[in-house]
Amino acid sequence: MVSYYPCMILRPLSTLSQCRYFHRTPTATGVSSTSYRGGSRKGMDLTFGSPVTSLPGSVSETDSNSTRGGILLRTIRRIKDQKIVSGPSRLVDEILAQSGAESISDLVQAMWKEDSFAFPSAVPGTCPSLRIIHRREHSATINPFRCPRIGLDLSHRSTTNSPWDPRVVFVCKPYRYIIYPELLTFNGRPQTFIGVYDHISEGTEGDPAELAKAIVAVTGIQEPTVLKYIESLSLGLEGKRALSRFIRTKTGSVADYLAMVGALRRQSSSVIVVESDSEVE
């Protein structure tokens, strides 16, 4: 099982389609050509784009002006024991551990011999590859939940209390897509809650207690916890927690994060966009 969200890659090295791309260390002019991100900043994308030129090993190169991007792999399930590994960095750690590699460089250079193609290679046995396994039984259509991304808030020193500030606009956008929310319990629980809350409460004016029961059934989060989450979100939605208190301040708790989300939504709903058909010469 892989849980993912689409993410356009704006990196000059990501010109190969259908490849595994490990995130590289940022530099003043772009990204490093020799080193990879470490610590909790690791990540791996599956690249895609419009194939232009066939390269050895069935890898396709994309033109610099064509559409290209990547799918950031966020969550995997280990088949042998059904363990869930959640988070881009932990996912890379699992790949390194299963491969017996000491580092990303060791894996890519020494073990994979620079062959980053993700699917069965023209040269058999060069490195492990991805493959599609069809379900034995047809299951009901699964609609993913849309949640905010994990680890984002308004603490950056450049953030302003303006409805047009980029962070204010995008920090809580639902750009994280998940299925099986009941399995994603290690991290990102408040973000998962927001996605399920939005899905269940959309177009309804339900009782908080009934809403909480429905969220519990989907997520497995304990009902008292869900009720506290709803209360924290409501503090922001009702204006009892002003957005200004979260500007350039780290949200140190789940309660603070959910109140911030509520405050952002309250401000967003109050913004009036004035459109005009007049032209400025």
C-alpha atoms as a PDB file:
ATOM      1  CA  MET A   1       0.000   0.000   0.000  1.00  0.00           C
ATOM      2  CA  VAL A   2       1.276   3.423  -0.887  1.00  0.00           C
ATOM      3  CA  SER A   3      -0.320   6.676   0.237  1.00  0.00           C
ATOM      4  CA  TYR A   4       0.751   9.688  -1.778  1.00  0.00           C
ATOM      5  CA  TYR A   5       0.010  13.200  -2.879  1.00  0.00           C
ATOM      6  CA  PRO A   6       0.954  14.729  -6.232  1.00  0.00           C
ATOM      7  CA  CYS A   7       3.785  17.234  -6.011  1.00  0.00           C
ATOM      8  CA  MET A   8       5.290  19.084  -8.941  1.00  0.00           C
ATOM      9  CA  ILE A   9       9.081  18.851  -8.911  1.00  0.00           C
ATOM     10  CA  LEU A  10      10.873  22.076  -9.747  1.00  0.00           C
ATOM     11  CA  ARG A  11      14.354  20.599  -9.660  1.00  0.00           C
ATOM     12  CA  PRO A  12      16.680  20.662 -12.663  1.00  0.00           C
ATOM     13  CA  LEU A  13      17.929  17.119 -11.961  1.00  0.00           C
ATOM     14  CA  SER A  14      14.433  15.611 -12.256  1.00  0.00           C
ATOM     15  CA  THR A  15      14.418  15.269 -16.042  1.00  0.00           C
ATOM     16  CA  LEU A  16      14.142  11.471 -16.085  1.00  0.00           C
ATOM     17  CA  SER A  17      10.695   9.943 -16.092  1.00  0.00           C
ATOM     18  CA  GLN A  18       9.688   6.788 -14.130  1.00  0.00           C
ATOM     19  CA  CYS A  19      12.659   7.037 -11.801  1.00  0.00           C
ATOM     20  CA  ARG A  20      13.215   7.060  -8.056  1.00  0.00           C
ATOM     21  CA  TYR A  21      14.392  10.520  -7.080  1.00  0.00           C
ATOM     22  CA  PHE A  22      15.855  10.949  -3.594  1.00  0.00           C
ATOM     23  CA  HIS A  23      15.632  14.540  -2.381  1.00  0.00           C
ATOM     24  CA  ARG A  24      18.918  16.397  -2.677  1.00  0.00           C
ATOM     25  CA  THR A  25      20.481  18.987  -0.403  1.00  0.00           C
ATOM     26  CA  PRO A  26      19.386  22.542  -1.284  1.00  0.00           C
ATOM     27  CA  THR A  27      21.999  25.126  -2.241  1.00  0.00           C
ATOM     28  CA  ALA A  28      21.988  28.859  -2.864  1.00  0.00           C
ATOM     29  CA  THR A  29      21.520  28.237  -6.594  1.00  0.00           C
ATOM     30  CA  GLY A  30      19.274  25.167  -6.558  1.00  0.00           C
ATOM     31  CA  VAL A  31      20.102  21.677  -5.342  1.00  0.00           C
ATOM     32  CA  SER A  32      23.338  19.771  -4.846  1.00  0.00           C
ATOM     33  CA  SER A  33      24.455  17.380  -7.569  1.00  0.00           C
ATOM     34  CA  THR A  34      26.415  15.215  -5.127  1.00  0.00           C
ATOM     35  CA  SER A  35      24.659  15.087  -1.741  1.00  0.00           C
ATOM     36  CA  TYR A  36      21.235  14.027  -0.483  1.00  0.00           C
ATOM     37  CA  ARG A  37      19.038  15.388   2.278  1.00  0.00           C
ATOM     38  CA  GLY A  38      19.586  13.704   5.638  1.00  0.00           C
ATOM     39  CA  GLY A  39      17.978  13.449   9.060  1.00  0.00           C
ATOM     40  CA  SER A  40      14.221  13.974   9.028  1.00  0.00           C
ATOM     41  CA  ARG A  41      14.359  15.801   5.675  1.00  0.00           C
ATOM     42  CA  LYS A  42      14.778  12.718   3.507  1.00  0.00           C
ATOM     43  CA  GLY A  43      12.240  11.811   0.858  1.00  0.00           C
ATOM     44  CA  MET A  44      11.772   9.935  -2.394  1.00  0.00           C
ATOM     45  CA  ASP A  45       9.655  10.773  -5.441  1.00  0.00           C
ATOM     46  CA  LEU A  46       8.528   8.669  -8.373  1.00  0.00           C
ATOM     47  CA  THR A  47       9.150  10.990 -11.317  1.00  0.00           C
ATOM     48  CA  PHE A  48       6.924  11.376 -14.351  1.00  0.00           C
ATOM     49  CA  GLY A  49       6.745  13.506 -17.476  1.00  0.00           C
ATOM     50  CA  SER A  50       6.356  13.589 -21.232  1.00  0.00           C
ATOM     51  CA  PRO A  51       8.905  11.124 -22.681  1.00  0.00           C
ATOM     52  CA  VAL A  52      11.078  12.636 -25.375  1.00  0.00           C
ATOM     53  CA  THR A  53      14.205  10.564 -25.715  1.00  0.00           C
ATOM     54  CA  SER A  54      14.732   6.868 -24.993  1.00  0.00           C
ATOM     55  CA  LEU A  55      17.770   6.240 -22.831  1.00  0.00           C
ATOM     56  CA  PRO A  56      19.545   2.968 -21.985  1.00  0.00           C
ATOM     57  CA  GLY A  57      17.534   0.813 -19.594  1.00  0.00           C
ATOM     58  CA  SER A  58      14.167   2.081 -20.896  1.00  0.00           C
ATOM     59  CA  VAL A  59      14.457   5.358 -18.996  1.00  0.00           C
ATOM     60  CA  SER A  60      12.708   8.289 -20.664  1.00  0.00           C
ATOM     61  CA  GLU A  61      14.162  11.785 -20.584  1.00  0.00           C
ATOM     62  CA  THR A  62      11.789  14.732 -20.533  1.00  0.00           C
ATOM     63  CA  ASP A  63      12.331  17.965 -22.365  1.00  0.00           C
ATOM     64  CA  SER A  64      13.153  20.912 -20.086  1.00  0.00           C
ATOM     65  CA  ASN A  65      10.084  22.759 -21.396  1.00  0.00           C
ATOM     66  CA  SER A  66       7.665  19.826 -21.056  1.00  0.00           C
ATOM     67  CA  THR A  67       5.403  19.001 -18.141  1.00  0.00           C
ATOM     68  CA  ARG A  68       7.189  16.980 -15.502  1.00  0.00           C
ATOM     69  CA  GLY A  69       6.784  16.299 -11.832  1.00  0.00           C
ATOM     70  CA  GLY A  70       6.757  13.606  -9.213  1.00  0.00           C
ATOM     71  CA  ILE A  71       4.726  11.616  -6.720  1.00  0.00           C
ATOM     72  CA  LEU A  72       6.118  11.893  -3.211  1.00  0.00           C
ATOM     73  CA  LEU A  73       5.827   8.478  -1.575  1.00  0.00           C
ATOM     74  CA  ARG A  74       4.558   9.011   1.975  1.00  0.00           C
ATOM     75  CA  THR A  75       3.443   5.684   3.394  1.00  0.00           C
ATOM     76  CA  ILE A  76       4.135   2.013   2.727  1.00  0.00           C
ATOM     77  CA  ARG A  77       3.003  -1.220   4.313  1.00  0.00           C
ATOM     78  CA  ARG A  78       5.555  -3.981   4.830  1.00  0.00           C
ATOM     79  CA  ILE A  79       3.966  -7.144   3.451  1.00  0.00           C
ATOM     80  CA  LYS A  80       5.595  -9.749   5.701  1.00  0.00           C
ATOM     81  CA  ASP A  81       4.271  -8.319   8.973  1.00  0.00           C
ATOM     82  CA  GLN A  82       1.778  -5.642   7.756  1.00  0.00           C
ATOM     83  CA  LYS A  83       3.698  -2.888   9.581  1.00  0.00           C
ATOM     84  CA  ILE A  84       2.850   0.638   8.444  1.00  0.00           C
ATOM     85  CA  VAL A  85       5.799   2.967   7.803  1.00  0.00           C
ATOM     86  CA  SER A  86       4.449   6.522   7.595  1.00  0.00           C
ATOM     87  CA  GLY A  87       6.305   9.704   6.652  1.00  0.00           C
ATOM     88  CA  PRO A  88       8.660  10.472   3.722  1.00  0.00           C
ATOM     89  CA  SER A  89      11.831  10.315   5.832  1.00  0.00           C
ATOM     90  CA  ARG A  90      10.868   7.135   7.676  1.00  0.00           C
ATOM     91  CA  LEU A  91       9.956   5.572   4.336  1.00  0.00           C
ATOM     92  CA  VAL A  92      13.493   6.212   3.070  1.00  0.00           C
ATOM     93  CA  ASP A  93      14.907   4.807   6.332  1.00  0.00           C
ATOM     94  CA  GLU A  94      12.901   1.622   5.737  1.00  0.00           C
ATOM     95  CA  ILE A  95      14.217   1.326   2.171  1.00  0.00           C
ATOM     96  CA  LEU A  96      17.789   1.727   3.426  1.00  0.00           C
ATOM     97  CA  ALA A  97      17.261  -0.834   6.199  1.00  0.00           C
ATOM     98  CA  GLN A  98      15.665  -3.403   3.881  1.00  0.00           C
ATOM     99  CA  SER A  99      18.470  -2.866   1.353  1.00  0.00           C
ATOM    100  CA  GLY A 100      21.254  -3.091   3.935  1.00  0.00           C
ATOM    101  CA  ALA A 101      22.583   0.305   2.834  1.00  0.00           C
ATOM    102  CA  GLU A 102      24.306   2.736   5.187  1.00  0.00           C
ATOM    103  CA  SER A 103      23.194   5.840   3.304  1.00  0.00           C
ATOM    104  CA  ILE A 104      21.327   7.014   0.213  1.00  0.00           C
ATOM    105  CA  SER A 105      24.629   7.517  -1.587  1.00  0.00           C
ATOM    106  CA  ASP A 106      25.658   3.953  -0.707  1.00  0.00           C
ATOM    107  CA  LEU A 107      22.330   2.639  -1.992  1.00  0.00           C
ATOM    108  CA  VAL A 108      22.255   4.600  -5.270  1.00  0.00           C
ATOM    109  CA  GLN A 109      25.923   4.479  -6.176  1.00  0.00           C
ATOM    110  CA  ALA A 110      27.299   1.257  -4.726  1.00  0.00           C
ATOM    111  CA  MET A 111      24.246  -1.013  -4.715  1.00  0.00           C
ATOM    112  CA  TRP A 112      22.091   0.298  -7.569  1.00  0.00           C
ATOM    113  CA  LYS A 113      25.048   1.359  -9.737  1.00  0.00           C
ATOM    114  CA  GLU A 114      23.263   4.661 -10.473  1.00  0.00           C
ATOM    115  CA  ASP A 115      20.285   2.780 -11.966  1.00  0.00           C
ATOM    116  CA  SER A 116      17.343   4.755 -10.542  1.00  0.00           C
ATOM    117  CA  PHE A 117      14.687   3.425 -12.933  1.00  0.00           C
ATOM    118  CA  ALA A 118      11.715   2.368 -10.784  1.00  0.00           C
ATOM    119  CA  PHE A 119      10.224  -0.358 -12.966  1.00  0.00           C
ATOM    120  CA  PRO A 120      11.684  -3.615 -14.359  1.00  0.00           C
ATOM    121  CA  SER A 121      14.911  -2.666 -16.084  1.00  0.00           C
ATOM    122  CA  ALA A 122      16.187  -3.727 -19.477  1.00  0.00           C
ATOM    123  CA  VAL A 123      19.191  -5.057 -17.560  1.00  0.00           C
ATOM    124  CA  PRO A 124      17.817  -7.790 -15.236  1.00  0.00           C
ATOM    125  CA  GLY A 125      18.980  -7.958 -11.635  1.00  0.00           C
ATOM    126  CA  THR A 126      20.459  -4.477 -11.401  1.00  0.00           C
ATOM    127  CA  CYS A 127      18.252  -3.312  -8.528  1.00  0.00           C
ATOM    128  CA  PRO A 128      14.828  -3.933  -6.966  1.00  0.00           C
ATOM    129  CA  SER A 129      11.920  -2.536  -8.960  1.00  0.00           C
ATOM    130  CA  LEU A 130       8.285  -1.587  -8.491  1.00  0.00           C
ATOM    131  CA  ARG A 131       5.551  -3.699  -9.995  1.00  0.00           C
ATOM    132  CA  ILE A 132       1.782  -3.471 -10.224  1.00  0.00           C
ATOM    133  CA  ILE A 133      -0.170  -6.267  -8.530  1.00  0.00           C
ATOM    134  CA  HIS A 134      -3.819  -6.492  -9.524  1.00  0.00           C
ATOM    135  CA  ARG A 135      -6.371  -7.115  -6.777  1.00  0.00           C
ATOM    136  CA  ARG A 136      -7.799 -10.629  -6.779  1.00  0.00           C
ATOM    137  CA  GLU A 137     -11.232  -9.320  -5.914  1.00  0.00           C
ATOM    138  CA  HIS A 138     -12.856  -6.120  -7.068  1.00  0.00           C
ATOM    139  CA  SER A 139     -13.490  -3.825  -4.117  1.00  0.00           C
ATOM    140  CA  ALA A 140     -15.715  -0.814  -3.780  1.00  0.00           C
ATOM    141  CA  THR A 141     -14.337   2.444  -5.112  1.00  0.00           C
ATOM    142  CA  ILE A 142     -12.104   4.113  -2.519  1.00  0.00           C
ATOM    143  CA  ASN A 143     -12.359   7.882  -2.308  1.00  0.00           C
ATOM    144  CA  PRO A 144      -9.267   9.431  -0.712  1.00  0.00           C
ATOM    145  CA  PHE A 145      -9.498  11.901   2.128  1.00  0.00           C
ATOM    146  CA  ARG A 146      -7.929  15.314   1.467  1.00  0.00           C
ATOM    147  CA  CYS A 147      -5.916  16.712   4.388  1.00  0.00           C
ATOM    148  CA  PRO A 148      -3.423  19.507   5.112  1.00  0.00           C
ATOM    149  CA  ARG A 149       0.233  18.606   4.826  1.00  0.00           C
ATOM    150  CA  ILE A 150       2.104  17.627   7.970  1.00  0.00           C
ATOM    151  CA  GLY A 151       4.561  19.953   9.719  1.00  0.00           C
ATOM    152  CA  LEU A 152       3.381  23.295   8.311  1.00  0.00           C
ATOM    153  CA  ASP A 153       2.349  26.330  10.364  1.00  0.00           C
ATOM    154  CA  LEU A 154       2.714  30.129  10.347  1.00  0.00           C
ATOM    155  CA  SER A 155       5.915  30.333  12.409  1.00  0.00           C
ATOM    156  CA  HIS A 156       8.224  31.566   9.634  1.00  0.00           C
ATOM    157  CA  ARG A 157       9.558  35.032  10.455  1.00  0.00           C
ATOM    158  CA  SER A 158       8.369  36.465   7.129  1.00  0.00           C
ATOM    159  CA  THR A 159       4.701  35.539   7.718  1.00  0.00           C
ATOM    160  CA  THR A 160       2.271  38.448   7.998  1.00  0.00           C
ATOM    161  CA  ASN A 161      -1.286  38.636   9.284  1.00  0.00           C
ATOM    162  CA  SER A 162      -2.668  39.256   5.825  1.00  0.00           C
ATOM    163  CA  PRO A 163      -5.251  37.123   4.018  1.00  0.00           C
ATOM    164  CA  TRP A 164      -3.017  37.351   0.942  1.00  0.00           C
ATOM    165  CA  ASP A 165       0.180  36.156   2.642  1.00  0.00           C
ATOM    166  CA  PRO A 166       1.276  32.970   0.780  1.00  0.00           C
ATOM    167  CA  ARG A 167       1.618  30.953   3.979  1.00  0.00           C
ATOM    168  CA  VAL A 168      -1.735  32.112   5.279  1.00  0.00           C
ATOM    169  CA  VAL A 169      -3.282  31.088   1.960  1.00  0.00           C
ATOM    170  CA  PHE A 170      -1.627  27.706   1.484  1.00  0.00           C
ATOM    171  CA  VAL A 171      -0.558  26.311   4.876  1.00  0.00           C
ATOM    172  CA  CYS A 172      -3.812  24.391   5.375  1.00  0.00           C
ATOM    173  CA  LYS A 173      -4.668  23.582   1.776  1.00  0.00           C
ATOM    174  CA  PRO A 174      -5.717  19.898   1.454  1.00  0.00           C
ATOM    175  CA  TYR A 175      -2.741  18.748  -0.587  1.00  0.00           C
ATOM    176  CA  ARG A 176      -2.237  15.477   1.330  1.00  0.00           C
ATOM    177  CA  TYR A 177      -4.308  12.576   0.044  1.00  0.00           C
ATOM    178  CA  ILE A 178      -4.799   9.478   2.181  1.00  0.00           C
ATOM    179  CA  ILE A 179      -6.714   6.229   2.279  1.00  0.00           C
ATOM    180  CA  TYR A 180      -7.084   3.976   5.306  1.00  0.00           C
ATOM    181  CA  PRO A 181      -6.898   6.814   7.873  1.00  0.00           C
ATOM    182  CA  GLU A 182      -7.267   4.267  10.671  1.00  0.00           C
ATOM    183  CA  LEU A 183      -3.782   2.957   9.832  1.00  0.00           C
ATOM    184  CA  LEU A 184      -2.043   6.352   9.886  1.00  0.00           C
ATOM    185  CA  THR A 185      -1.705   6.711  13.651  1.00  0.00           C
ATOM    186  CA  PHE A 186       2.014   7.372  14.071  1.00  0.00           C
ATOM    187  CA  ASN A 187       2.130  10.968  12.864  1.00  0.00           C
ATOM    188  CA  GLY A 188      -0.128  13.545  11.267  1.00  0.00           C
ATOM    189  CA  ARG A 189      -3.142  12.641  13.381  1.00  0.00           C
ATOM    190  CA  PRO A 190      -4.578  16.205  13.558  1.00  0.00           C
ATOM    191  CA  GLN A 191      -4.189  16.586   9.791  1.00  0.00           C
ATOM    192  CA  THR A 192      -5.908  13.235   9.257  1.00  0.00           C
ATOM    193  CA  PHE A 193      -8.674  14.365  11.611  1.00  0.00           C
ATOM    194  CA  ILE A 194      -9.202  17.519   9.531  1.00  0.00           C
ATOM    195  CA  GLY A 195      -9.560  15.500   6.335  1.00  0.00           C
ATOM    196  CA  VAL A 196     -12.076  13.086   7.826  1.00  0.00           C
ATOM    197  CA  TYR A 197     -13.923  15.924   9.619  1.00  0.00           C
ATOM    198  CA  ASP A 198     -14.327  17.813   6.332  1.00  0.00           C
ATOM    199  CA  HIS A 199     -15.468  14.697   4.490  1.00  0.00           C
ATOM    200  CA  ILE A 200     -18.107  13.757   7.060  1.00  0.00           C
ATOM    201  CA  SER A 201     -19.348  17.234   7.956  1.00  0.00           C
ATOM    202  CA  GLU A 202     -19.526  18.566   4.379  1.00  0.00           C
ATOM    203  CA  GLY A 203     -22.960  19.976   3.736  1.00  0.00           C
ATOM    204  CA  THR A 204     -24.312  19.003   7.156  1.00  0.00           C
ATOM    205  CA  GLU A 205     -25.135  20.803  10.385  1.00  0.00           C
ATOM    206  CA  GLY A 206     -24.772  17.717  12.570  1.00  0.00           C
ATOM    207  CA  ASP A 207     -24.573  17.493  16.334  1.00  0.00           C
ATOM    208  CA  PRO A 208     -20.923  17.496  17.534  1.00  0.00           C
ATOM    209  CA  ALA A 209     -21.462  14.273  19.472  1.00  0.00           C
ATOM    210  CA  GLU A 210     -22.861  12.475  16.408  1.00  0.00           C
ATOM    211  CA  LEU A 211     -20.120  13.925  14.239  1.00  0.00           C
ATOM    212  CA  ALA A 212     -17.528  12.679  16.723  1.00  0.00           C
ATOM    213  CA  LYS A 213     -18.960   9.148  16.612  1.00  0.00           C
ATOM    214  CA  ALA A 214     -18.754   9.124  12.834  1.00  0.00           C
ATOM    215  CA  ILE A 215     -15.133  10.307  12.918  1.00  0.00           C
ATOM    216  CA  VAL A 216     -14.257   7.648  15.522  1.00  0.00           C
ATOM    217  CA  ALA A 217     -15.721   4.957  13.252  1.00  0.00           C
ATOM    218  CA  VAL A 218     -13.480   6.041  10.363  1.00  0.00           C
ATOM    219  CA  THR A 219     -10.235   6.910  12.177  1.00  0.00           C
ATOM    220  CA  GLY A 220     -10.210   4.746  15.295  1.00  0.00           C
ATOM    221  CA  ILE A 221      -9.280   7.786  17.394  1.00  0.00           C
ATOM    222  CA  GLN A 222     -10.865   7.642  20.838  1.00  0.00           C
ATOM    223  CA  GLU A 223     -14.131   9.591  21.149  1.00  0.00           C
ATOM    224  CA  PRO A 224     -12.972  11.882  24.025  1.00  0.00           C
ATOM    225  CA  THR A 225      -9.960  12.842  21.898  1.00  0.00           C
ATOM    226  CA  VAL A 226     -12.127  13.559  18.856  1.00  0.00           C
ATOM    227  CA  LEU A 227     -14.428  15.761  20.947  1.00  0.00           C
ATOM    228  CA  LYS A 228     -11.395  17.737  22.153  1.00  0.00           C
ATOM    229  CA  TYR A 229     -10.234  18.095  18.540  1.00  0.00           C
ATOM    230  CA  ILE A 230     -13.655  19.450  17.498  1.00  0.00           C
ATOM    231  CA  GLU A 231     -13.620  21.877  20.423  1.00  0.00           C
ATOM    232  CA  SER A 232     -10.144  23.177  19.512  1.00  0.00           C
ATOM    233  CA  LEU A 233     -11.116  23.628  15.859  1.00  0.00           C
ATOM    234  CA  SER A 234     -14.277  25.454  16.925  1.00  0.00           C
ATOM    235  CA  LEU A 235     -12.281  27.958  19.008  1.00  0.00           C
ATOM    236  CA  GLY A 236     -10.721  29.242  15.799  1.00  0.00           C
ATOM    237  CA  LEU A 237     -13.861  28.957  13.693  1.00  0.00           C
ATOM    238  CA  GLU A 238     -15.838  31.003  16.236  1.00  0.00           C
ATOM    239  CA  GLY A 239     -13.191  33.710  16.579  1.00  0.00           C
ATOM    240  CA  LYS A 240     -12.226  32.784  20.154  1.00  0.00           C
ATOM    241  CA  ARG A 241      -8.643  32.248  18.989  1.00  0.00           C
ATOM    242  CA  ALA A 242      -7.482  35.113  16.794  1.00  0.00           C
ATOM    243  CA  LEU A 243      -5.261  34.299  13.848  1.00  0.00           C
ATOM    244  CA  SER A 244      -2.752  36.929  14.997  1.00  0.00           C
ATOM    245  CA  ARG A 245      -1.681  34.766  17.932  1.00  0.00           C
ATOM    246  CA  PHE A 246      -0.352  32.115  15.514  1.00  0.00           C
ATOM    247  CA  ILE A 247       1.639  34.465  13.252  1.00  0.00           C
ATOM    248  CA  ARG A 248       5.399  33.826  13.604  1.00  0.00           C
ATOM    249  CA  THR A 249       4.651  31.432  16.468  1.00  0.00           C
ATOM    250  CA  LYS A 250       5.271  27.683  16.504  1.00  0.00           C
ATOM    251  CA  THR A 251       2.127  25.624  17.102  1.00  0.00           C
ATOM    252  CA  GLY A 252       3.405  23.456  19.919  1.00  0.00           C
ATOM    253  CA  SER A 253       0.342  21.279  20.475  1.00  0.00           C
ATOM    254  CA  VAL A 254      -2.482  19.597  18.596  1.00  0.00           C
ATOM    255  CA  ALA A 255      -4.965  21.982  20.241  1.00  0.00           C
ATOM    256  CA  ASP A 256      -3.015  25.016  18.993  1.00  0.00           C
ATOM    257  CA  TYR A 257      -2.730  23.570  15.490  1.00  0.00           C
ATOM    258  CA  LEU A 258      -6.461  22.879  15.199  1.00  0.00           C
ATOM    259  CA  ALA A 259      -7.342  26.319  16.583  1.00  0.00           C
ATOM    260  CA  MET A 260      -5.002  27.818  13.957  1.00  0.00           C
ATOM    261  CA  VAL A 261      -6.788  25.850  11.214  1.00  0.00           C
ATOM    262  CA  GLY A 262     -10.125  27.142  12.480  1.00  0.00           C
ATOM    263  CA  ALA A 263      -8.849  30.734  12.596  1.00  0.00           C
ATOM    264  CA  LEU A 264      -7.514  30.425   9.040  1.00  0.00           C
ATOM    265  CA  ARG A 265     -10.840  29.128   7.808  1.00  0.00           C
ATOM    266  CA  ARG A 266     -12.706  31.893   9.578  1.00  0.00           C
ATOM    267  CA  GLN A 267     -10.534  34.536   7.937  1.00  0.00           C
ATOM    268  CA  SER A 268     -10.744  32.850   4.532  1.00  0.00           C
ATOM    269  CA  SER A 269     -14.548  32.807   4.667  1.00  0.00           C
ATOM    270  CA  SER A 270     -14.631  36.530   5.455  1.00  0.00           C
ATOM    271  CA  VAL A 271     -12.422  37.613   2.540  1.00  0.00           C
ATOM    272  CA  ILE A 272     -14.394  39.296  -0.237  1.00  0.00           C
ATOM    273  CA  VAL A 273     -12.918  39.166  -3.728  1.00  0.00           C
ATOM    274  CA  VAL A 274     -13.964  42.102  -5.914  1.00  0.00           C
ATOM    275  CA  GLU A 275     -13.946  41.343  -9.648  1.00  0.00           C
ATOM    276  CA  SER A 276     -14.074  43.887 -12.412  1.00  0.00           C
ATOM    277  CA  ASP A 277     -14.497  43.679 -16.158  1.00  0.00           C
ATOM    278  CA  SER A 278     -12.686  46.964 -16.723  1.00  0.00           C
ATOM    279  CA  GLU A 279      -9.285  46.980 -18.374  1.00  0.00           C
ATOM    280  CA  VAL A 280      -6.303  48.952 -17.202  1.00  0.00           C
ATOM    281  CA  GLU A 281      -4.306  50.524 -20.024  1.00  0.00           C
END
